[in-house]
Amino acid sequence: MRGVQRAGPDGCGYLEMKRFLIVCAAIGVMADAAQAAPLLGVWQTEPDGKNQTGHVQITPCGAALCGTVVSAYDASGKQITTASVGKRVIRDIRQTGENTFGGGQIYVPLMRAEFPLEIRVSGNHMNLKACNSAGLCRTQKWARVK
């Protein structure tokens, strides 16, 4: 008979249990996204060695967060085309505490190198800290664009 399901050993229908598990998984994904919400969005970088800034969009990528350069600007604020646009510069960032993230890497195009990254979000600003293998660290403060 169509629409009728057999009960499993515990008296629950297999299809109902499958739907329940899918809903639970979706709620878990939404909870992870809600926790990451302070970091999601578009952020403006500090000027680099060429006095250019970029907009980096932070989005979920698998179980972590990643950031891709979506636009670049010269010192006057004019949008420019650079090789960095479209590149993933932040990868594998995970929430480590309230408004703190780490465990991932940041790629610095001018140095052509990746470094371990820690991020702390405070309102519409984030502080990024990257250190090299010798323990020398550099910090930047990015501002939320949207």
C-alpha atoms as a PDB file:
ATOM      1  CA  MET A   1       0.000   0.000   0.000  1.00  0.00           C
ATOM      2  CA  ARG A   2       1.428   3.354  -1.050  1.00  0.00           C
ATOM      3  CA  GLY A   3       2.334   5.814   1.704  1.00  0.00           C
ATOM      4  CA  VAL A   4       2.313   3.157   4.399  1.00  0.00           C
ATOM      5  CA  GLN A   5       5.647   2.391   6.004  1.00  0.00           C
ATOM      6  CA  ARG A   6       6.713  -0.494   8.082  1.00  0.00           C
ATOM      7  CA  ALA A   7       7.668   0.161  11.637  1.00  0.00           C
ATOM      8  CA  GLY A   8      11.211  -0.563  12.647  1.00  0.00           C
ATOM      9  CA  PRO A   9      12.150  -2.720  15.615  1.00  0.00           C
ATOM     10  CA  ASP A  10      11.551   0.226  17.951  1.00  0.00           C
ATOM     11  CA  GLY A  11       8.124   0.995  16.512  1.00  0.00           C
ATOM     12  CA  CYS A  12       9.349   4.027  14.523  1.00  0.00           C
ATOM     13  CA  GLY A  13       9.060   4.193  10.768  1.00  0.00           C
ATOM     14  CA  TYR A  14      12.356   4.035   8.930  1.00  0.00           C
ATOM     15  CA  LEU A  15      11.433   6.999   6.738  1.00  0.00           C
ATOM     16  CA  GLU A  16      10.397   9.112   9.720  1.00  0.00           C
ATOM     17  CA  MET A  17      13.704   8.319  11.421  1.00  0.00           C
ATOM     18  CA  LYS A  18      15.628   9.220   8.271  1.00  0.00           C
ATOM     19  CA  ARG A  19      13.769  12.552   8.031  1.00  0.00           C
ATOM     20  CA  PHE A  20      14.418  13.207  11.708  1.00  0.00           C
ATOM     21  CA  LEU A  21      18.152  12.609  11.269  1.00  0.00           C
ATOM     22  CA  ILE A  22      18.273  14.879   8.209  1.00  0.00           C
ATOM     23  CA  VAL A  23      16.538  17.666  10.146  1.00  0.00           C
ATOM     24  CA  CYS A  24      18.958  17.200  13.067  1.00  0.00           C
ATOM     25  CA  ALA A  25      21.936  17.413  10.711  1.00  0.00           C
ATOM     26  CA  ALA A  26      20.541  20.577   9.104  1.00  0.00           C
ATOM     27  CA  ILE A  27      20.041  22.167  12.523  1.00  0.00           C
ATOM     28  CA  GLY A  28      23.657  21.328  13.384  1.00  0.00           C
ATOM     29  CA  VAL A  29      24.914  22.991  10.195  1.00  0.00           C
ATOM     30  CA  MET A  30      22.774  26.076  10.882  1.00  0.00           C
ATOM     31  CA  ALA A  31      24.120  26.237  14.455  1.00  0.00           C
ATOM     32  CA  ASP A  32      27.710  26.091  13.160  1.00  0.00           C
ATOM     33  CA  ALA A  33      26.941  28.889  10.685  1.00  0.00           C
ATOM     34  CA  ALA A  34      25.316  30.976  13.434  1.00  0.00           C
ATOM     35  CA  GLN A  35      28.422  30.599  15.607  1.00  0.00           C
ATOM     36  CA  ALA A  36      30.617  31.678  12.686  1.00  0.00           C
ATOM     37  CA  ALA A  37      28.315  34.623  11.877  1.00  0.00           C
ATOM     38  CA  PRO A  38      30.594  37.292  13.418  1.00  0.00           C
ATOM     39  CA  LEU A  39      33.240  36.419  10.825  1.00  0.00           C
ATOM     40  CA  LEU A  40      31.037  35.908   7.755  1.00  0.00           C
ATOM     41  CA  GLY A  41      30.838  38.774   5.283  1.00  0.00           C
ATOM     42  CA  VAL A  42      33.089  41.105   3.319  1.00  0.00           C
ATOM     43  CA  TRP A  43      36.071  42.750   5.032  1.00  0.00           C
ATOM     44  CA  GLN A  44      38.435  45.504   3.901  1.00  0.00           C
ATOM     45  CA  THR A  45      42.121  44.812   4.426  1.00  0.00           C
ATOM     46  CA  GLU A  46      44.741  47.285   5.560  1.00  0.00           C
ATOM     47  CA  PRO A  47      46.876  48.749   2.749  1.00  0.00           C
ATOM     48  CA  ASP A  48      49.611  46.410   1.551  1.00  0.00           C
ATOM     49  CA  GLY A  49      53.181  47.258   0.512  1.00  0.00           C
ATOM     50  CA  LYS A  50      51.842  48.813  -2.699  1.00  0.00           C
ATOM     51  CA  ASN A  51      49.307  50.886  -0.718  1.00  0.00           C
ATOM     52  CA  GLN A  52      46.460  48.788  -2.145  1.00  0.00           C
ATOM     53  CA  THR A  53      43.536  47.399  -0.173  1.00  0.00           C
ATOM     54  CA  GLY A  54      41.311  44.455  -0.872  1.00  0.00           C
ATOM     55  CA  HIS A  55      37.859  43.220  -0.013  1.00  0.00           C
ATOM     56  CA  VAL A  56      37.922  39.652   1.293  1.00  0.00           C
ATOM     57  CA  GLN A  57      34.696  37.669   1.482  1.00  0.00           C
ATOM     58  CA  ILE A  58      34.564  35.115   4.317  1.00  0.00           C
ATOM     59  CA  THR A  59      32.265  32.173   3.589  1.00  0.00           C
ATOM     60  CA  PRO A  60      31.803  28.599   4.795  1.00  0.00           C
ATOM     61  CA  CYS A  61      33.972  26.038   2.998  1.00  0.00           C
ATOM     62  CA  GLY A  62      33.219  22.555   4.202  1.00  0.00           C
ATOM     63  CA  ALA A  63      33.413  22.429   7.995  1.00  0.00           C
ATOM     64  CA  ALA A  64      35.583  25.558   8.142  1.00  0.00           C
ATOM     65  CA  LEU A  65      35.625  29.135   6.851  1.00  0.00           C
ATOM     66  CA  CYS A  66      37.633  30.554   3.970  1.00  0.00           C
ATOM     67  CA  GLY A  67      38.271  34.020   2.583  1.00  0.00           C
ATOM     68  CA  THR A  68      38.588  35.040  -1.061  1.00  0.00           C
ATOM     69  CA  VAL A  69      39.681  38.406  -2.444  1.00  0.00           C
ATOM     70  CA  VAL A  70      36.641  39.723  -4.310  1.00  0.00           C
ATOM     71  CA  SER A  71      37.961  43.186  -5.269  1.00  0.00           C
ATOM     72  CA  ALA A  72      41.023  45.424  -4.950  1.00  0.00           C
ATOM     73  CA  TYR A  73      41.513  49.194  -4.708  1.00  0.00           C
ATOM     74  CA  ASP A  74      44.380  51.649  -5.181  1.00  0.00           C
ATOM     75  CA  ALA A  75      45.305  54.353  -2.648  1.00  0.00           C
ATOM     76  CA  SER A  76      42.641  56.708  -4.042  1.00  0.00           C
ATOM     77  CA  GLY A  77      39.907  54.101  -3.600  1.00  0.00           C
ATOM     78  CA  LYS A  78      39.587  53.335  -7.315  1.00  0.00           C
ATOM     79  CA  GLN A  79      38.818  49.692  -8.045  1.00  0.00           C
ATOM     80  CA  ILE A  80      41.722  47.990  -9.813  1.00  0.00           C
ATOM     81  CA  THR A  81      42.478  44.616 -11.335  1.00  0.00           C
ATOM     82  CA  THR A  82      45.161  42.592  -9.575  1.00  0.00           C
ATOM     83  CA  ALA A  83      46.315  38.973  -9.633  1.00  0.00           C
ATOM     84  CA  SER A  84      44.996  38.597  -6.068  1.00  0.00           C
ATOM     85  CA  VAL A  85      41.337  39.047  -7.035  1.00  0.00           C
ATOM     86  CA  GLY A  86      39.711  35.638  -7.003  1.00  0.00           C
ATOM     87  CA  LYS A  87      42.424  34.060  -4.860  1.00  0.00           C
ATOM     88  CA  ARG A  88      41.615  32.286  -1.617  1.00  0.00           C
ATOM     89  CA  VAL A  89      43.790  34.008   0.971  1.00  0.00           C
ATOM     90  CA  ILE A  90      42.256  32.551   4.157  1.00  0.00           C
ATOM     91  CA  ARG A  91      41.567  28.852   4.517  1.00  0.00           C
ATOM     92  CA  ASP A  92      40.486  26.321   7.113  1.00  0.00           C
ATOM     93  CA  ILE A  93      39.607  28.831   9.857  1.00  0.00           C
ATOM     94  CA  ARG A  94      37.475  27.402  12.669  1.00  0.00           C
ATOM     95  CA  GLN A  95      35.865  28.977  15.691  1.00  0.00           C
ATOM     96  CA  THR A  96      38.063  28.485  18.772  1.00  0.00           C
ATOM     97  CA  GLY A  97      36.104  30.574  21.276  1.00  0.00           C
ATOM     98  CA  GLU A  98      33.636  33.415  21.564  1.00  0.00           C
ATOM     99  CA  ASN A  99      34.474  35.697  18.606  1.00  0.00           C
ATOM    100  CA  THR A 100      37.856  33.999  18.129  1.00  0.00           C
ATOM    101  CA  PHE A 101      38.952  31.854  15.215  1.00  0.00           C
ATOM    102  CA  GLY A 102      42.112  29.953  14.355  1.00  0.00           C
ATOM    103  CA  GLY A 103      43.635  26.738  13.108  1.00  0.00           C
ATOM    104  CA  GLY A 104      43.841  27.960   9.538  1.00  0.00           C
ATOM    105  CA  GLN A 105      46.233  29.759   7.250  1.00  0.00           C
ATOM    106  CA  ILE A 106      46.517  33.139   5.564  1.00  0.00           C
ATOM    107  CA  TYR A 107      48.235  33.510   2.207  1.00  0.00           C
ATOM    108  CA  VAL A 108      50.189  36.752   1.782  1.00  0.00           C
ATOM    109  CA  PRO A 109      50.410  37.396  -1.981  1.00  0.00           C
ATOM    110  CA  LEU A 110      53.312  39.869  -1.771  1.00  0.00           C
ATOM    111  CA  MET A 111      55.384  37.287   0.120  1.00  0.00           C
ATOM    112  CA  ARG A 112      53.982  34.277  -1.764  1.00  0.00           C
ATOM    113  CA  ALA A 113      53.761  32.442   1.550  1.00  0.00           C
ATOM    114  CA  GLU A 114      51.191  31.055   3.995  1.00  0.00           C
ATOM    115  CA  PHE A 115      51.210  31.586   7.743  1.00  0.00           C
ATOM    116  CA  PRO A 116      49.149  30.246  10.676  1.00  0.00           C
ATOM    117  CA  LEU A 117      46.336  32.660  11.458  1.00  0.00           C
ATOM    118  CA  GLU A 118      44.380  33.744  14.524  1.00  0.00           C
ATOM    119  CA  ILE A 119      41.392  36.100  14.289  1.00  0.00           C
ATOM    120  CA  ARG A 120      39.463  38.021  16.934  1.00  0.00           C
ATOM    121  CA  VAL A 121      36.235  39.750  15.904  1.00  0.00           C
ATOM    122  CA  SER A 122      34.967  42.805  17.764  1.00  0.00           C
ATOM    123  CA  GLY A 123      31.888  44.417  16.259  1.00  0.00           C
ATOM    124  CA  ASN A 124      32.689  45.561  12.735  1.00  0.00           C
ATOM    125  CA  HIS A 125      36.435  45.003  13.066  1.00  0.00           C
ATOM    126  CA  MET A 126      38.624  41.962  13.129  1.00  0.00           C
ATOM    127  CA  ASN A 127      42.188  41.670  14.302  1.00  0.00           C
ATOM    128  CA  LEU A 128      44.278  39.151  12.381  1.00  0.00           C
ATOM    129  CA  LYS A 129      47.546  37.793  13.746  1.00  0.00           C
ATOM    130  CA  ALA A 130      49.903  35.713  11.625  1.00  0.00           C
ATOM    131  CA  CYS A 131      53.272  34.387  12.779  1.00  0.00           C
ATOM    132  CA  ASN A 132      56.147  32.822  10.895  1.00  0.00           C
ATOM    133  CA  SER A 133      58.070  29.735  12.011  1.00  0.00           C
ATOM    134  CA  ALA A 134      60.599  31.928  13.881  1.00  0.00           C
ATOM    135  CA  GLY A 135      57.795  33.349  16.021  1.00  0.00           C
ATOM    136  CA  LEU A 136      57.796  36.791  14.417  1.00  0.00           C
ATOM    137  CA  CYS A 137      54.204  37.991  14.217  1.00  0.00           C
ATOM    138  CA  ARG A 138      52.324  40.673  12.333  1.00  0.00           C
ATOM    139  CA  THR A 139      48.836  41.927  13.050  1.00  0.00           C
ATOM    140  CA  GLN A 140      46.309  43.755  10.926  1.00  0.00           C
ATOM    141  CA  LYS A 141      42.922  45.276  11.637  1.00  0.00           C
ATOM    142  CA  TRP A 142      40.263  44.776   8.958  1.00  0.00           C
ATOM    143  CA  ALA A 143      36.914  46.589   8.791  1.00  0.00           C
ATOM    144  CA  ARG A 144      33.601  45.009   7.853  1.00  0.00           C
ATOM    145  CA  VAL A 145      32.261  46.247   4.507  1.00  0.00           C
ATOM    146  CA  LYS A 146      29.078  44.144   4.585  1.00  0.00           C
END
